[in-house]
PDB file of all heavy atoms in Angstrom:
ATOM      1  N   LEU A   1      15.787   9.130 -51.721  1.00  0.00           N
ATOM      2  CA  LEU A   1      14.662   8.612 -50.947  1.00  0.00           C
ATOM      3  C   LEU A   1      15.058   8.019 -49.607  1.00  0.00           C
ATOM      4  O   LEU A   1      14.201   7.761 -48.766  1.00  0.00           O
ATOM      5  CB  LEU A   1      13.924   7.534 -51.765  1.00  0.00           C
ATOM      6  CG  LEU A   1      13.377   7.970 -53.129  1.00  0.00           C
ATOM      7  CD1 LEU A   1      12.739   6.780 -53.839  1.00  0.00           C
ATOM      8  CD2 LEU A   1      12.360   9.083 -52.968  1.00  0.00           C
ATOM      9  N   ILE A   2      16.341   7.805 -49.388  1.00  0.00           N
ATOM     10  CA  ILE A   2      16.796   7.079 -48.208  1.00  0.00           C
ATOM     11  C   ILE A   2      16.532   7.831 -46.906  1.00  0.00           C
ATOM     12  O   ILE A   2      16.459   7.237 -45.827  1.00  0.00           O
ATOM     13  CB  ILE A   2      18.313   6.749 -48.328  1.00  0.00           C
ATOM     14  CG1 ILE A   2      18.703   5.622 -47.374  1.00  0.00           C
ATOM     15  CG2 ILE A   2      19.154   7.994 -48.121  1.00  0.00           C
ATOM     16  CD1 ILE A   2      18.168   4.281 -47.762  1.00  0.00           C
ATOM     17  N   GLU A   3      16.345   9.148 -46.981  1.00  0.00           N
ATOM     18  CA  GLU A   3      16.203   9.959 -45.771  1.00  0.00           C
ATOM     19  C   GLU A   3      14.757  10.156 -45.332  1.00  0.00           C
ATOM     20  O   GLU A   3      14.466  11.042 -44.533  1.00  0.00           O
ATOM     21  CB  GLU A   3      16.864  11.328 -45.975  1.00  0.00           C
ATOM     22  CG  GLU A   3      18.368  11.265 -46.211  1.00  0.00           C
ATOM     23  CD  GLU A   3      19.117  10.654 -45.029  1.00  0.00           C
ATOM     24  OE1 GLU A   3      18.747  10.954 -43.874  1.00  0.00           O
ATOM     25  OE2 GLU A   3      20.055   9.879 -45.257  1.00  0.00           O
ATOM     26  N   HIS A   4      13.828   9.360 -45.825  1.00  0.00           N
ATOM     27  CA  HIS A   4      12.421   9.510 -45.448  1.00  0.00           C
ATOM     28  C   HIS A   4      12.197   9.250 -43.955  1.00  0.00           C
ATOM     29  O   HIS A   4      12.836   8.387 -43.353  1.00  0.00           O
ATOM     30  CB  HIS A   4      11.549   8.523 -46.229  1.00  0.00           C
ATOM     31  CG  HIS A   4      11.190   9.004 -47.607  1.00  0.00           C
ATOM     32  ND1 HIS A   4      10.956  10.325 -47.888  1.00  0.00           N
ATOM     33  CD2 HIS A   4      10.986   8.332 -48.768  1.00  0.00           C
ATOM     34  CE1 HIS A   4      10.635  10.447 -49.166  1.00  0.00           C
ATOM     35  NE2 HIS A   4      10.653   9.258 -49.723  1.00  0.00           N
ATOM     36  N   ASP A   5      11.232   9.998 -43.378  1.00  0.00           N
ATOM     37  CA  ASP A   5      10.783   9.705 -42.018  1.00  0.00           C
ATOM     38  C   ASP A   5      10.007   8.391 -42.011  1.00  0.00           C
ATOM     39  O   ASP A   5       9.504   7.942 -43.049  1.00  0.00           O
ATOM     40  CB  ASP A   5       9.891  10.834 -41.502  1.00  0.00           C
ATOM     41  CG  ASP A   5      10.633  12.150 -41.352  1.00  0.00           C
ATOM     42  OD1 ASP A   5      11.871  12.124 -41.198  1.00  0.00           O
ATOM     43  OD2 ASP A   5       9.973  13.208 -41.390  1.00  0.00           O
ATOM     44  N   LYS A   6       9.876   7.800 -40.802  1.00  0.00           N
ATOM     45  CA  LYS A   6       9.238   6.486 -40.684  1.00  0.00           C
ATOM     46  C   LYS A   6       8.321   6.426 -39.471  1.00  0.00           C
ATOM     47  O   LYS A   6       8.489   7.196 -38.521  1.00  0.00           O
ATOM     48  CB  LYS A   6      10.305   5.391 -40.604  1.00  0.00           C
ATOM     49  CG  LYS A   6      11.208   5.340 -41.845  1.00  0.00           C
ATOM     50  CD  LYS A   6      12.344   4.364 -41.668  1.00  0.00           C
ATOM     51  CE  LYS A   6      13.179   4.286 -42.950  1.00  0.00           C
ATOM     52  NZ  LYS A   6      13.942   5.518 -43.187  1.00  0.00           N
ATOM     53  N   ILE A   7       7.363   5.492 -39.505  1.00  0.00           N
ATOM     54  CA  ILE A   7       6.483   5.220 -38.373  1.00  0.00           C
ATOM     55  C   ILE A   7       6.566   3.732 -38.052  1.00  0.00           C
ATOM     56  O   ILE A   7       6.493   2.892 -38.952  1.00  0.00           O
ATOM     57  CB  ILE A   7       5.023   5.612 -38.668  1.00  0.00           C
ATOM     58  CG1 ILE A   7       4.912   7.110 -38.966  1.00  0.00           C
ATOM     59  CG2 ILE A   7       4.122   5.244 -37.484  1.00  0.00           C
ATOM     60  CD1 ILE A   7       3.514   7.554 -39.358  1.00  0.00           C
ATOM     61  N   TYR A   8       6.720   3.415 -36.766  1.00  0.00           N
ATOM     62  CA  TYR A   8       6.824   2.031 -36.305  1.00  0.00           C
ATOM     63  C   TYR A   8       5.793   1.744 -35.214  1.00  0.00           C
ATOM     64  O   TYR A   8       5.434   2.641 -34.431  1.00  0.00           O
ATOM     65  CB  TYR A   8       8.209   1.752 -35.715  1.00  0.00           C
ATOM     66  CG  TYR A   8       9.353   1.844 -36.688  1.00  0.00           C
ATOM     67  CD1 TYR A   8      10.058   3.039 -36.842  1.00  0.00           C
ATOM     68  CD2 TYR A   8       9.755   0.739 -37.425  1.00  0.00           C
ATOM     69  CE1 TYR A   8      11.131   3.120 -37.717  1.00  0.00           C
ATOM     70  CE2 TYR A   8      10.830   0.812 -38.305  1.00  0.00           C
ATOM     71  CZ  TYR A   8      11.503   2.008 -38.446  1.00  0.00           C
ATOM     72  OH  TYR A   8      12.568   2.092 -39.324  1.00  0.00           O
ATOM     73  N   LEU A   9       5.368   0.496 -35.150  1.00  0.00           N
ATOM     74  CA  LEU A   9       4.635  -0.028 -34.007  1.00  0.00           C
ATOM     75  C   LEU A   9       5.633  -0.827 -33.177  1.00  0.00           C
ATOM     76  O   LEU A   9       6.247  -1.778 -33.686  1.00  0.00           O
ATOM     77  CB  LEU A   9       3.484  -0.916 -34.470  1.00  0.00           C
ATOM     78  CG  LEU A   9       2.678  -1.628 -33.384  1.00  0.00           C
ATOM     79  CD1 LEU A   9       1.992  -0.621 -32.465  1.00  0.00           C
ATOM     80  CD2 LEU A   9       1.661  -2.574 -34.003  1.00  0.00           C
ATOM     81  N   VAL A  10       5.809  -0.447 -31.917  1.00  0.00           N
ATOM     82  CA  VAL A  10       6.892  -0.966 -31.089  1.00  0.00           C
ATOM     83  C   VAL A  10       6.331  -1.707 -29.871  1.00  0.00           C
ATOM     84  O   VAL A  10       5.374  -1.249 -29.246  1.00  0.00           O
ATOM     85  CB  VAL A  10       7.794   0.187 -30.582  1.00  0.00           C
ATOM     86  CG1 VAL A  10       8.980  -0.359 -29.794  1.00  0.00           C
ATOM     87  CG2 VAL A  10       8.252   1.057 -31.742  1.00  0.00           C
ATOM     88  N   GLU A  11       6.959  -2.839 -29.540  1.00  0.00           N
ATOM     89  CA  GLU A  11       6.682  -3.521 -28.272  1.00  0.00           C
ATOM     90  C   GLU A  11       8.002  -3.745 -27.544  1.00  0.00           C
ATOM     91  O   GLU A  11       9.011  -4.095 -28.167  1.00  0.00           O
ATOM     92  CB  GLU A  11       5.996  -4.873 -28.507  1.00  0.00           C
ATOM     93  CG  GLU A  11       4.570  -4.755 -29.019  1.00  0.00           C
ATOM     94  CD  GLU A  11       3.896  -6.107 -29.160  1.00  0.00           C
ATOM     95  OE1 GLU A  11       4.459  -7.118 -28.649  1.00  0.00           O
ATOM     96  OE2 GLU A  11       2.830  -6.178 -29.775  1.00  0.00           O
ATOM     97  N   MET A  12       7.983  -3.546 -26.228  1.00  0.00           N
ATOM     98  CA  MET A  12       9.193  -3.720 -25.426  1.00  0.00           C
ATOM     99  C   MET A  12       8.832  -4.278 -24.052  1.00  0.00           C
ATOM    100  O   MET A  12       7.686  -4.220 -23.622  1.00  0.00           O
ATOM    101  CB  MET A  12       9.930  -2.387 -25.268  1.00  0.00           C
ATOM    102  CG  MET A  12       9.132  -1.333 -24.512  1.00  0.00           C
ATOM    103  SD  MET A  12      10.091   0.159 -24.117  1.00  0.00           S
ATOM    104  CE  MET A  12      11.148  -0.450 -22.794  1.00  0.00           C
ATOM    105  N   LYS A  13       9.846  -4.827 -23.370  1.00  0.00           N
ATOM    106  CA  LYS A  13       9.710  -5.272 -21.984  1.00  0.00           C
ATOM    107  C   LYS A  13      10.752  -4.555 -21.133  1.00  0.00           C
ATOM    108  O   LYS A  13      11.890  -4.335 -21.569  1.00  0.00           O
ATOM    109  CB  LYS A  13       9.924  -6.786 -21.859  1.00  0.00           C
ATOM    110  CG  LYS A  13       8.759  -7.638 -22.310  1.00  0.00           C
ATOM    111  CD  LYS A  13       9.095  -9.111 -22.069  1.00  0.00           C
ATOM    112  CE  LYS A  13       7.969 -10.017 -22.534  1.00  0.00           C
ATOM    113  NZ  LYS A  13       8.311 -11.451 -22.311  1.00  0.00           N
ATOM    114  N   PHE A  14      10.342  -4.225 -19.918  1.00  0.00           N
ATOM    115  CA  PHE A  14      11.260  -3.620 -18.964  1.00  0.00           C
ATOM    116  C   PHE A  14      11.965  -4.695 -18.134  1.00  0.00           C
ATOM    117  O   PHE A  14      11.444  -5.787 -17.924  1.00  0.00           O
ATOM    118  CB  PHE A  14      10.497  -2.685 -18.024  1.00  0.00           C
ATOM    119  CG  PHE A  14      10.007  -1.426 -18.679  1.00  0.00           C
ATOM    120  CD1 PHE A  14       8.679  -1.300 -19.074  1.00  0.00           C
ATOM    121  CD2 PHE A  14      10.868  -0.369 -18.905  1.00  0.00           C
ATOM    122  CE1 PHE A  14       8.217  -0.143 -19.672  1.00  0.00           C
ATOM    123  CE2 PHE A  14      10.424   0.801 -19.509  1.00  0.00           C
ATOM    124  CZ  PHE A  14       9.095   0.910 -19.898  1.00  0.00           C
ATOM    125  N   GLY A  15      13.160  -4.338 -17.662  1.00  0.00           N
ATOM    126  CA  GLY A  15      13.850  -5.193 -16.712  1.00  0.00           C
ATOM    127  C   GLY A  15      14.798  -6.209 -17.299  1.00  0.00           C
ATOM    128  O   GLY A  15      15.338  -7.048 -16.577  1.00  0.00           O
ATOM    129  N   TYR A  16      15.032  -6.138 -18.607  1.00  0.00           N
ATOM    130  CA  TYR A  16      15.958  -7.062 -19.263  1.00  0.00           C
ATOM    131  C   TYR A  16      17.009  -6.265 -20.044  1.00  0.00           C
ATOM    132  O   TYR A  16      16.696  -5.267 -20.700  1.00  0.00           O
ATOM    133  CB  TYR A  16      15.236  -7.969 -20.247  1.00  0.00           C
ATOM    134  CG  TYR A  16      14.262  -8.947 -19.636  1.00  0.00           C
ATOM    135  CD1 TYR A  16      12.926  -8.600 -19.476  1.00  0.00           C
ATOM    136  CD2 TYR A  16      14.677 -10.214 -19.235  1.00  0.00           C
ATOM    137  CE1 TYR A  16      12.021  -9.490 -18.918  1.00  0.00           C
ATOM    138  CE2 TYR A  16      13.779 -11.117 -18.680  1.00  0.00           C
ATOM    139  CZ  TYR A  16      12.445 -10.746 -18.525  1.00  0.00           C
ATOM    140  OH  TYR A  16      11.550 -11.632 -17.967  1.00  0.00           O
ATOM    141  N   LEU A  17      18.245  -6.738 -20.008  1.00  0.00           N
ATOM    142  CA  LEU A  17      19.315  -6.201 -20.849  1.00  0.00           C
ATOM    143  C   LEU A  17      19.912  -7.347 -21.649  1.00  0.00           C
ATOM    144  O   LEU A  17      20.340  -8.354 -21.082  1.00  0.00           O
ATOM    145  CB  LEU A  17      20.406  -5.542 -19.999  1.00  0.00           C
ATOM    146  CG  LEU A  17      21.654  -5.082 -20.755  1.00  0.00           C
ATOM    147  CD1 LEU A  17      21.314  -3.953 -21.730  1.00  0.00           C
ATOM    148  CD2 LEU A  17      22.745  -4.639 -19.786  1.00  0.00           C
ATOM    149  N   THR A  18      19.938  -7.225 -22.976  1.00  0.00           N
ATOM    150  CA  THR A  18      20.577  -8.222 -23.832  1.00  0.00           C
ATOM    151  C   THR A  18      21.655  -7.556 -24.674  1.00  0.00           C
ATOM    152  O   THR A  18      21.665  -6.331 -24.834  1.00  0.00           O
ATOM    153  CB  THR A  18      19.565  -8.908 -24.773  1.00  0.00           C
ATOM    154  OG1 THR A  18      19.086  -7.939 -25.735  1.00  0.00           O
ATOM    155  CG2 THR A  18      18.384  -9.474 -24.001  1.00  0.00           C
ATOM    156  N   ASP A  19      22.539  -8.350 -25.230  1.00  0.00           N
ATOM    157  CA  ASP A  19      23.633  -7.781 -26.028  1.00  0.00           C
ATOM    158  C   ASP A  19      23.133  -7.135 -27.311  1.00  0.00           C
ATOM    159  O   ASP A  19      23.745  -6.202 -27.825  1.00  0.00           O
ATOM    160  CB  ASP A  19      24.692  -8.844 -26.331  1.00  0.00           C
ATOM    161  CG  ASP A  19      24.130 -10.083 -26.994  1.00  0.00           C
ATOM    162  OD1 ASP A  19      22.896 -10.193 -27.143  1.00  0.00           O
ATOM    163  OD2 ASP A  19      24.929 -10.975 -27.365  1.00  0.00           O
ATOM    164  N   THR A  20      22.005  -7.588 -27.836  1.00  0.00           N
ATOM    165  CA  THR A  20      21.463  -7.041 -29.085  1.00  0.00           C
ATOM    166  C   THR A  20      20.381  -5.987 -28.854  1.00  0.00           C
ATOM    167  O   THR A  20      19.881  -5.395 -29.804  1.00  0.00           O
ATOM    168  CB  THR A  20      20.863  -8.162 -29.947  1.00  0.00           C
ATOM    169  OG1 THR A  20      19.846  -8.834 -29.184  1.00  0.00           O
ATOM    170  CG2 THR A  20      21.921  -9.160 -30.369  1.00  0.00           C
ATOM    171  N   LEU A  21      20.009  -5.768 -27.598  1.00  0.00           N
ATOM    172  CA  LEU A  21      18.934  -4.850 -27.204  1.00  0.00           C
ATOM    173  C   LEU A  21      17.552  -5.318 -27.662  1.00  0.00           C
ATOM    174  O   LEU A  21      16.598  -4.551 -27.650  1.00  0.00           O
ATOM    175  CB  LEU A  21      19.185  -3.417 -27.705  1.00  0.00           C
ATOM    176  CG  LEU A  21      20.480  -2.746 -27.242  1.00  0.00           C
ATOM    177  CD1 LEU A  21      20.565  -1.324 -27.758  1.00  0.00           C
ATOM    178  CD2 LEU A  21      20.588  -2.758 -25.716  1.00  0.00           C
ATOM    179  N   ASP A  22      17.447  -6.586 -28.089  1.00  0.00           N
ATOM    180  CA  ASP A  22      16.144  -7.167 -28.380  1.00  0.00           C
ATOM    181  C   ASP A  22      16.034  -8.505 -27.664  1.00  0.00           C
ATOM    182  O   ASP A  22      17.012  -9.025 -27.126  1.00  0.00           O
ATOM    183  CB  ASP A  22      15.891  -7.296 -29.892  1.00  0.00           C
ATOM    184  CG  ASP A  22      16.898  -8.194 -30.582  1.00  0.00           C
ATOM    185  OD1 ASP A  22      17.186  -9.298 -30.069  1.00  0.00           O
ATOM    186  OD2 ASP A  22      17.419  -7.809 -31.653  1.00  0.00           O
ATOM    187  N   ILE A  23      14.838  -9.072 -27.666  1.00  0.00           N
ATOM    188  CA  ILE A  23      14.555 -10.263 -26.879  1.00  0.00           C
ATOM    189  C   ILE A  23      15.275 -11.497 -27.409  1.00  0.00           C
ATOM    190  O   ILE A  23      15.395 -12.512 -26.702  1.00  0.00           O
ATOM    191  CB  ILE A  23      13.027 -10.517 -26.807  1.00  0.00           C
ATOM    192  CG1 ILE A  23      12.662 -11.431 -25.641  1.00  0.00           C
ATOM    193  CG2 ILE A  23      12.517 -11.043 -28.137  1.00  0.00           C
ATOM    194  CD1 ILE A  23      12.983 -10.856 -24.295  1.00  0.00           C
ATOM    195  N   GLU A  24      15.799 -11.434 -28.641  1.00  0.00           N
ATOM    196  CA  GLU A  24      16.471 -12.582 -29.231  1.00  0.00           C
ATOM    197  C   GLU A  24      17.944 -12.668 -28.843  1.00  0.00           C
ATOM    198  O   GLU A  24      18.612 -13.647 -29.149  1.00  0.00           O
ATOM    199  CB  GLU A  24      16.328 -12.550 -30.755  1.00  0.00           C
ATOM    200  CG  GLU A  24      14.882 -12.699 -31.226  1.00  0.00           C
ATOM    201  CD  GLU A  24      14.759 -12.731 -32.736  1.00  0.00           C
ATOM    202  OE1 GLU A  24      15.745 -12.383 -33.416  1.00  0.00           O
ATOM    203  OE2 GLU A  24      13.680 -13.109 -33.231  1.00  0.00           O
ATOM    204  N   GLY A  25      18.449 -11.635 -28.174  1.00  0.00           N
ATOM    205  CA  GLY A  25      19.862 -11.626 -27.807  1.00  0.00           C
ATOM    206  C   GLY A  25      20.150 -12.375 -26.523  1.00  0.00           C
ATOM    207  O   GLY A  25      19.248 -12.899 -25.843  1.00  0.00           O
ATOM    208  N   GLU A  26      21.415 -12.431 -26.175  1.00  0.00           N
ATOM    209  CA  GLU A  26      21.852 -13.084 -24.935  1.00  0.00           C
ATOM    210  C   GLU A  26      21.539 -12.169 -23.756  1.00  0.00           C
ATOM    211  O   GLU A  26      21.911 -10.981 -23.753  1.00  0.00           O
ATOM    212  CB  GLU A  26      23.351 -13.350 -24.992  1.00  0.00           C
ATOM    213  CG  GLU A  26      23.921 -13.957 -23.727  1.00  0.00           C
ATOM    214  CD  GLU A  26      25.433 -14.063 -23.760  1.00  0.00           C
ATOM    215  OE1 GLU A  26      26.035 -13.829 -24.837  1.00  0.00           O
ATOM    216  OE2 GLU A  26      26.026 -14.370 -22.688  1.00  0.00           O
ATOM    217  N   ILE A  27      20.839 -12.699 -22.751  1.00  0.00           N
ATOM    218  CA  ILE A  27      20.503 -11.905 -21.566  1.00  0.00           C
ATOM    219  C   ILE A  27      21.757 -11.662 -20.731  1.00  0.00           C
ATOM    220  O   ILE A  27      22.428 -12.600 -20.303  1.00  0.00           O
ATOM    221  CB  ILE A  27      19.414 -12.598 -20.720  1.00  0.00           C
ATOM    222  CG1 ILE A  27      18.106 -12.682 -21.518  1.00  0.00           C
ATOM    223  CG2 ILE A  27      19.184 -11.828 -19.417  1.00  0.00           C
ATOM    224  CD1 ILE A  27      16.993 -13.401 -20.786  1.00  0.00           C
TER     225      ILE A  27
END
């Protein structure tokens, strides 16, 4: 079952780079 396809609802912001690639990481 591990190889199932998935659907996500995604939110992102442009113009920022963090070490974790999410808003909680170090800018």
